[in-house]
Amino acid sequence: MATRDIYERGFDEDVSTDNTTACPECNGRVRTNTVETACEDCGLVIDEQQIDHRPEWRTFDDDESSSKRTGAPLTVARHDRGLSTEIGRWRDASGNQLSARKRRQLGRLRREQRRGRWRSKSERNLAHGLGEVRRIASALGLSETVRDQACQLFRSAKHEDLLRGRSIEAIAAASVYGACRCNNSRVTRGEVAERAQVKRSRVVNAYKTLNTELGLPVTPVTPQSLIPRLSSELAVKDTVRRRALELAELAHGSAIANGRQPAGVAGACLYIASREYGQGLRQTDIAEVAGTTAATLRARRDEFSTAIDSEASA
């Protein structure tokens, strides 16, 4: 007997089974297929969408499982949320080497897919901006959580039409910096601008726009929060770092740090602490690491010296 004589051919939705349960309304005949259970006489739908919510994988042994119809999760880091198709280059799905003819054909398919990948210029700008966000986040060594938040922030900026008249690269860098500020990550604007290859002033202006228009939940940067990073980059002693933290907390609790650049205050604390313990850090080295100037460092040092002398005399 042929196989076609054994099995019926048709769609799964057309395969139906009889159910002995009668219709609760008219006591008619009930039929069940893969979509719903309905009465043939009055048309009452008794049950529908019978979905199996159990895990969709098959176990071949105790340590290995093969997933079925479970693709990659959605991500905000790509303009299409990760649903686009990627065409391979050298091997097929089974790992076999492709012939030269097949590679040429796939090359033509990739070219056509690249041309028709974006439906509009706005979508192309979104893809370019999200690519910049991913590149900057990778260069800074940020986590996937911070990267995804930066991508979502860039999407919000585009949705609010904040990209009009502004550089996509600057908004992408500002999105990364804003995500770092929201997560209390001590990444400076100078570091973001350097990795983004954008002028710092443009990153600052773009961040001010995002903060004003989107209302980012950021907290002010305190001088003591910058001491660990500066101490690590300058390779200072633990005693110098602890003394610098004490000075930074003193400045934060008084009016010394009000209206002052936190990096300049933190650099001045490290400079004073290093002079007290004889390590002798240079002002230019501290200013370069802190992203400020030696003149700012000296101004904060003089203010600290006055405050410390007043505290000692009191």
Protein backbone atom coordinates (compact mmCIF):
# COMPACT_ATOMS: atom_id res chain seq x y z
CA MET A 1 0.00 0.00 0.00
CA ALA A 2 1.34 3.41 -0.92
CA THR A 3 2.09 5.99 1.73
CA ARG A 4 -0.36 8.45 0.25
CA ASP A 5 -3.13 5.87 0.81
CA ILE A 6 -2.31 5.59 4.51
CA TYR A 7 -2.11 9.24 5.51
CA GLU A 8 -4.49 12.02 4.63
CA ARG A 9 -2.93 15.05 3.05
CA GLY A 10 -4.01 18.53 4.14
CA PHE A 11 -3.34 21.33 6.54
CA ASP A 12 -3.36 20.73 10.26
CA GLU A 13 -6.21 23.19 10.67
CA ASP A 14 -8.38 21.07 8.41
CA VAL A 15 -7.81 17.86 10.37
CA SER A 16 -10.75 17.46 12.71
CA THR A 17 -11.78 14.93 15.30
CA ASP A 18 -15.20 14.11 16.61
CA ASN A 19 -15.91 14.74 20.25
CA THR A 20 -18.57 12.80 22.11
CA THR A 21 -19.32 15.80 24.33
CA ALA A 22 -22.60 17.46 23.32
CA CYS A 23 -23.07 21.18 22.87
CA PRO A 24 -24.15 22.85 26.14
CA GLU A 25 -26.54 25.17 24.27
CA CYS A 26 -28.37 23.06 21.70
CA ASN A 27 -27.14 19.58 22.58
CA GLY A 28 -25.75 19.32 19.06
CA ARG A 29 -22.70 17.65 17.61
CA VAL A 30 -19.30 19.08 18.61
CA ARG A 31 -16.23 18.88 16.42
CA THR A 32 -12.64 19.73 17.44
CA ASN A 33 -9.73 20.69 15.21
CA THR A 34 -6.31 22.13 16.04
CA VAL A 35 -7.70 25.65 16.46
CA GLU A 36 -11.03 25.45 18.22
CA THR A 37 -13.84 23.27 19.47
CA ALA A 38 -17.20 24.33 18.03
CA CYS A 39 -20.74 23.06 17.62
CA GLU A 40 -21.71 22.09 14.06
CA ASP A 41 -25.36 22.97 14.56
CA CYS A 42 -25.41 26.39 16.30
CA GLY A 43 -21.78 27.40 15.75
CA LEU A 44 -21.01 27.96 19.45
CA VAL A 45 -17.24 28.05 20.08
CA ILE A 46 -16.65 26.04 23.23
CA ASP A 47 -12.85 26.21 23.35
CA GLU A 48 -10.14 27.78 21.18
CA GLN A 49 -6.40 28.30 20.88
CA GLN A 50 -5.33 25.22 22.77
CA ILE A 51 -1.71 26.20 23.30
CA ASP A 52 0.80 23.98 25.01
CA HIS A 53 2.79 26.27 27.30
CA ARG A 54 5.37 23.64 28.18
CA PRO A 55 9.04 24.14 27.08
CA GLU A 56 9.60 23.57 23.37
CA TRP A 57 12.62 21.33 23.28
CA ARG A 58 13.42 17.71 22.76
CA THR A 59 15.89 15.94 25.02
CA PHE A 60 18.23 13.48 23.28
CA ASP A 61 20.23 12.60 26.38
CA ASP A 62 20.68 13.81 29.94
CA ASP A 63 23.06 16.67 29.06
CA GLU A 64 21.88 17.82 25.63
CA SER A 65 18.69 19.44 24.45
CA SER A 66 17.71 20.75 21.04
CA SER A 67 15.49 23.82 20.78
CA LYS A 68 12.57 23.94 18.36
CA ARG A 69 11.21 27.20 17.01
CA THR A 70 12.96 29.21 19.73
CA GLY A 71 14.97 31.92 18.00
CA ALA A 72 17.10 34.65 19.47
CA PRO A 73 15.37 36.98 21.97
CA LEU A 74 14.28 40.45 20.96
CA THR A 75 16.76 43.24 21.59
CA VAL A 76 16.52 47.02 21.50
CA ALA A 77 20.13 47.25 20.34
CA ARG A 78 19.12 46.77 16.68
CA HIS A 79 16.70 48.76 14.59
CA ASP A 80 14.58 45.69 13.75
CA ARG A 81 14.87 44.29 17.31
CA GLY A 82 16.93 41.36 16.03
CA LEU A 83 14.28 39.89 13.72
CA SER A 84 16.17 40.36 10.43
CA THR A 85 17.66 37.49 8.47
CA GLU A 86 21.41 37.05 8.23
CA ILE A 87 22.64 35.38 5.03
CA GLY A 88 25.70 33.19 5.48
CA ARG A 89 28.92 33.28 3.47
CA TRP A 90 31.01 30.12 3.44
CA ARG A 91 29.01 27.24 4.92
CA ASP A 92 25.42 26.09 4.95
CA ALA A 93 23.27 25.28 7.98
CA SER A 94 24.78 21.77 8.19
CA GLY A 95 28.34 23.12 8.22
CA ASN A 96 29.18 21.96 4.68
CA GLN A 97 31.42 24.07 2.45
CA LEU A 98 29.51 26.02 -0.19
CA SER A 99 30.45 25.85 -3.83
CA ALA A 100 31.71 28.89 -5.73
CA ARG A 101 28.43 29.18 -7.63
CA LYS A 102 26.40 29.14 -4.42
CA ARG A 103 28.70 31.74 -2.80
CA ARG A 104 28.19 34.08 -5.74
CA GLN A 105 24.45 33.61 -5.47
CA LEU A 106 24.50 34.36 -1.73
CA GLY A 107 26.61 37.43 -2.41
CA ARG A 108 23.94 38.77 -4.76
CA LEU A 109 21.27 37.99 -2.18
CA ARG A 110 23.20 39.86 0.51
CA ARG A 111 23.53 42.88 -1.77
CA GLU A 112 19.81 42.97 -2.47
CA GLN A 113 19.00 42.46 1.20
CA ARG A 114 21.30 45.34 2.13
CA ARG A 115 19.60 47.62 -0.37
CA GLY A 116 16.10 46.77 0.79
CA ARG A 117 16.84 46.45 4.48
CA TRP A 118 15.50 49.88 5.47
CA ARG A 119 12.06 51.05 4.48
CA SER A 120 12.81 54.74 5.01
CA LYS A 121 15.60 57.19 5.73
CA SER A 122 14.39 57.46 9.32
CA GLU A 123 14.89 53.72 9.83
CA ARG A 124 18.34 53.94 8.27
CA ASN A 125 19.29 56.74 10.68
CA LEU A 126 18.01 54.63 13.57
CA ALA A 127 20.17 51.69 12.48
CA HIS A 128 23.22 53.94 12.15
CA GLY A 129 22.67 55.51 15.57
CA LEU A 130 22.15 52.18 17.33
CA GLY A 131 25.32 50.89 15.69
CA GLU A 132 27.22 53.87 17.11
CA VAL A 133 25.77 53.21 20.57
CA ARG A 134 26.88 49.57 20.44
CA ARG A 135 30.37 50.56 19.26
CA ILE A 136 30.87 53.17 22.00
CA ALA A 137 29.52 50.84 24.70
CA SER A 138 31.87 48.09 23.54
CA ALA A 139 34.86 50.46 23.52
CA LEU A 140 34.06 51.55 27.09
CA GLY A 141 33.54 47.97 28.28
CA LEU A 142 29.98 48.59 29.47
CA SER A 143 27.57 45.82 30.38
CA GLU A 144 24.72 44.69 28.14
CA THR A 145 22.20 46.23 30.53
CA VAL A 146 23.74 49.70 30.24
CA ARG A 147 24.11 49.23 26.47
CA ASP A 148 20.43 48.32 26.07
CA GLN A 149 19.39 51.30 28.19
CA ALA A 150 21.51 53.57 26.00
CA CYS A 151 19.86 52.12 22.89
CA GLN A 152 16.42 52.67 24.39
CA LEU A 153 17.40 56.25 25.24
CA PHE A 154 18.48 56.82 21.63
CA ARG A 155 15.15 55.40 20.44
CA SER A 156 13.31 57.80 22.76
CA ALA A 157 15.35 60.72 21.42
CA LYS A 158 14.43 59.76 17.87
CA HIS A 159 10.78 59.34 18.81
CA GLU A 160 10.75 62.86 20.32
CA ASP A 161 12.35 64.20 17.12
CA LEU A 162 15.52 65.33 18.93
CA LEU A 163 17.77 64.19 16.07
CA ARG A 164 16.58 66.96 13.78
CA GLY A 165 19.42 69.43 13.23
CA ARG A 166 21.82 67.44 15.46
CA SER A 167 24.55 64.94 14.81
CA ILE A 168 23.58 61.28 15.12
CA GLU A 169 27.03 60.50 16.55
CA ALA A 170 26.65 63.19 19.24
CA ILE A 171 23.19 61.95 20.27
CA ALA A 172 24.51 58.38 20.38
CA ALA A 173 27.42 59.43 22.62
CA ALA A 174 25.07 61.44 24.83
CA SER A 175 22.77 58.41 25.12
CA VAL A 176 25.67 56.27 26.33
CA TYR A 177 26.73 58.94 28.84
CA GLY A 178 23.15 59.37 30.05
CA ALA A 179 22.76 55.61 30.59
CA CYS A 180 26.04 55.60 32.56
CA ARG A 181 24.82 58.48 34.72
CA CYS A 182 21.51 56.72 35.39
CA ASN A 183 23.39 53.60 36.52
CA ASN A 184 25.95 55.52 38.64
CA SER A 185 28.76 54.40 36.35
CA ARG A 186 31.68 56.81 36.75
CA VAL A 187 32.40 57.29 33.07
CA THR A 188 33.36 60.86 32.24
CA ARG A 189 32.16 62.88 29.30
CA GLY A 190 35.73 63.10 28.06
CA GLU A 191 36.03 59.31 27.87
CA VAL A 192 32.75 59.01 25.98
CA ALA A 193 33.74 61.80 23.57
CA GLU A 194 37.12 60.18 22.97
CA ARG A 195 35.61 56.79 22.14
CA ALA A 196 32.88 58.37 20.04
CA GLN A 197 35.40 60.55 18.15
CA VAL A 198 33.14 63.55 18.70
CA LYS A 199 34.05 66.91 20.21
CA ARG A 200 33.34 67.09 23.91
CA SER A 201 31.30 70.28 23.54
CA ARG A 202 28.91 68.54 21.13
CA VAL A 203 28.47 65.63 23.55
CA VAL A 204 27.78 68.06 26.40
CA ASN A 205 25.17 69.96 24.38
CA ALA A 206 23.48 66.75 23.22
CA TYR A 207 23.39 65.41 26.80
CA LYS A 208 21.84 68.66 28.06
CA THR A 209 19.15 68.31 25.39
CA LEU A 210 18.38 64.70 26.38
CA ASN A 211 18.34 65.57 30.07
CA THR A 212 16.02 68.52 29.53
CA GLU A 213 13.60 66.97 27.03
CA LEU A 214 13.46 63.42 28.40
CA GLY A 215 13.92 64.13 32.12
CA LEU A 216 16.64 61.59 32.90
CA PRO A 217 16.66 60.28 36.50
CA VAL A 218 20.30 61.20 37.13
CA THR A 219 21.92 62.13 40.44
CA PRO A 220 24.65 64.75 40.89
CA VAL A 221 28.23 63.52 40.73
CA THR A 222 30.02 63.87 44.06
CA PRO A 223 33.82 64.34 44.41
CA GLN A 224 34.20 61.26 46.63
CA SER A 225 32.70 59.04 43.94
CA LEU A 226 35.57 59.97 41.58
CA ILE A 227 38.37 59.30 44.08
CA PRO A 228 38.60 55.48 43.51
CA ARG A 229 38.97 55.81 39.72
CA LEU A 230 41.53 58.61 39.94
CA SER A 231 43.48 56.74 42.62
CA SER A 232 43.56 53.60 40.50
CA GLU A 233 44.79 55.42 37.38
CA LEU A 234 47.43 57.38 39.33
CA ALA A 235 48.53 54.30 41.33
CA VAL A 236 48.51 56.10 44.67
CA LYS A 237 48.96 54.46 48.06
CA ASP A 238 46.02 53.31 50.15
CA THR A 239 46.80 55.89 52.83
CA VAL A 240 46.67 58.66 50.21
CA ARG A 241 43.39 57.36 48.83
CA ARG A 242 41.77 57.21 52.30
CA ARG A 243 42.94 60.72 53.13
CA ALA A 244 41.63 62.00 49.79
CA LEU A 245 38.25 60.43 50.56
CA GLU A 246 38.16 62.20 53.91
CA LEU A 247 38.93 65.52 52.25
CA ALA A 248 36.30 64.91 49.56
CA GLU A 249 33.65 64.14 52.18
CA LEU A 250 34.66 67.29 54.04
CA ALA A 251 34.27 69.32 50.84
CA HIS A 252 30.91 67.71 50.07
CA GLY A 253 29.60 68.42 53.56
CA SER A 254 30.68 72.05 53.50
CA ALA A 255 30.24 74.83 50.96
CA ILE A 256 33.62 74.27 49.31
CA ALA A 257 32.33 72.02 46.53
CA ASN A 258 29.19 74.04 45.81
CA GLY A 259 29.18 75.13 42.18
CA ARG A 260 32.57 73.54 41.58
CA GLN A 261 33.55 70.90 39.04
CA PRO A 262 33.55 67.51 40.90
CA ALA A 263 36.61 66.29 38.99
CA GLY A 264 38.57 69.41 39.98
CA VAL A 265 37.62 69.00 43.65
CA ALA A 266 38.55 65.30 43.61
CA GLY A 267 41.89 66.07 41.93
CA ALA A 268 42.68 68.74 44.52
CA CYS A 269 41.90 66.26 47.33
CA LEU A 270 44.33 63.74 45.84
CA TYR A 271 47.00 66.38 45.39
CA ILE A 272 46.77 67.58 48.99
CA ALA A 273 46.71 64.00 50.33
CA SER A 274 49.75 63.04 48.24
CA ARG A 275 51.70 66.03 49.56
CA GLU A 276 50.79 65.14 53.14
CA TYR A 277 52.07 61.56 52.77
CA GLY A 278 55.12 62.42 50.66
CA GLN A 279 54.09 60.74 47.39
CA GLY A 280 54.36 64.02 45.48
CA LEU A 281 51.99 63.71 42.54
CA ARG A 282 52.37 66.37 39.86
CA GLN A 283 49.52 68.74 39.18
CA THR A 284 49.67 68.15 35.43
CA ASP A 285 49.36 64.37 35.86
CA ILE A 286 46.35 64.68 38.16
CA ALA A 287 44.71 67.26 35.91
CA GLU A 288 45.16 65.07 32.84
CA VAL A 289 43.59 62.03 34.51
CA ALA A 290 40.76 64.08 36.05
CA GLY A 291 39.98 65.84 32.78
CA THR A 292 40.55 69.33 34.16
CA THR A 293 43.32 71.94 34.16
CA ALA A 294 46.22 72.61 36.50
CA ALA A 295 44.89 76.12 37.17
CA THR A 296 41.58 74.67 38.42
CA LEU A 297 43.53 72.24 40.57
CA ARG A 298 45.53 75.04 42.19
CA ALA A 299 42.40 77.12 42.81
CA ARG A 300 40.69 74.23 44.60
CA ARG A 301 43.91 73.53 46.54
CA ASP A 302 44.04 77.08 47.87
CA GLU A 303 40.39 76.90 48.93
CA PHE A 304 41.05 73.59 50.70
CA SER A 305 44.11 74.91 52.46
CA THR A 306 42.11 77.82 53.83
CA ALA A 307 39.27 75.56 54.94
CA ILE A 308 41.64 73.04 56.59
CA ASP A 309 43.50 75.81 58.45
CA SER A 310 40.22 77.27 59.68
CA GLU A 311 39.09 73.84 60.89
CA ALA A 312 42.39 73.25 62.67
CA SER A 313 42.31 76.63 64.40
CA ALA A 314 38.72 76.09 65.50
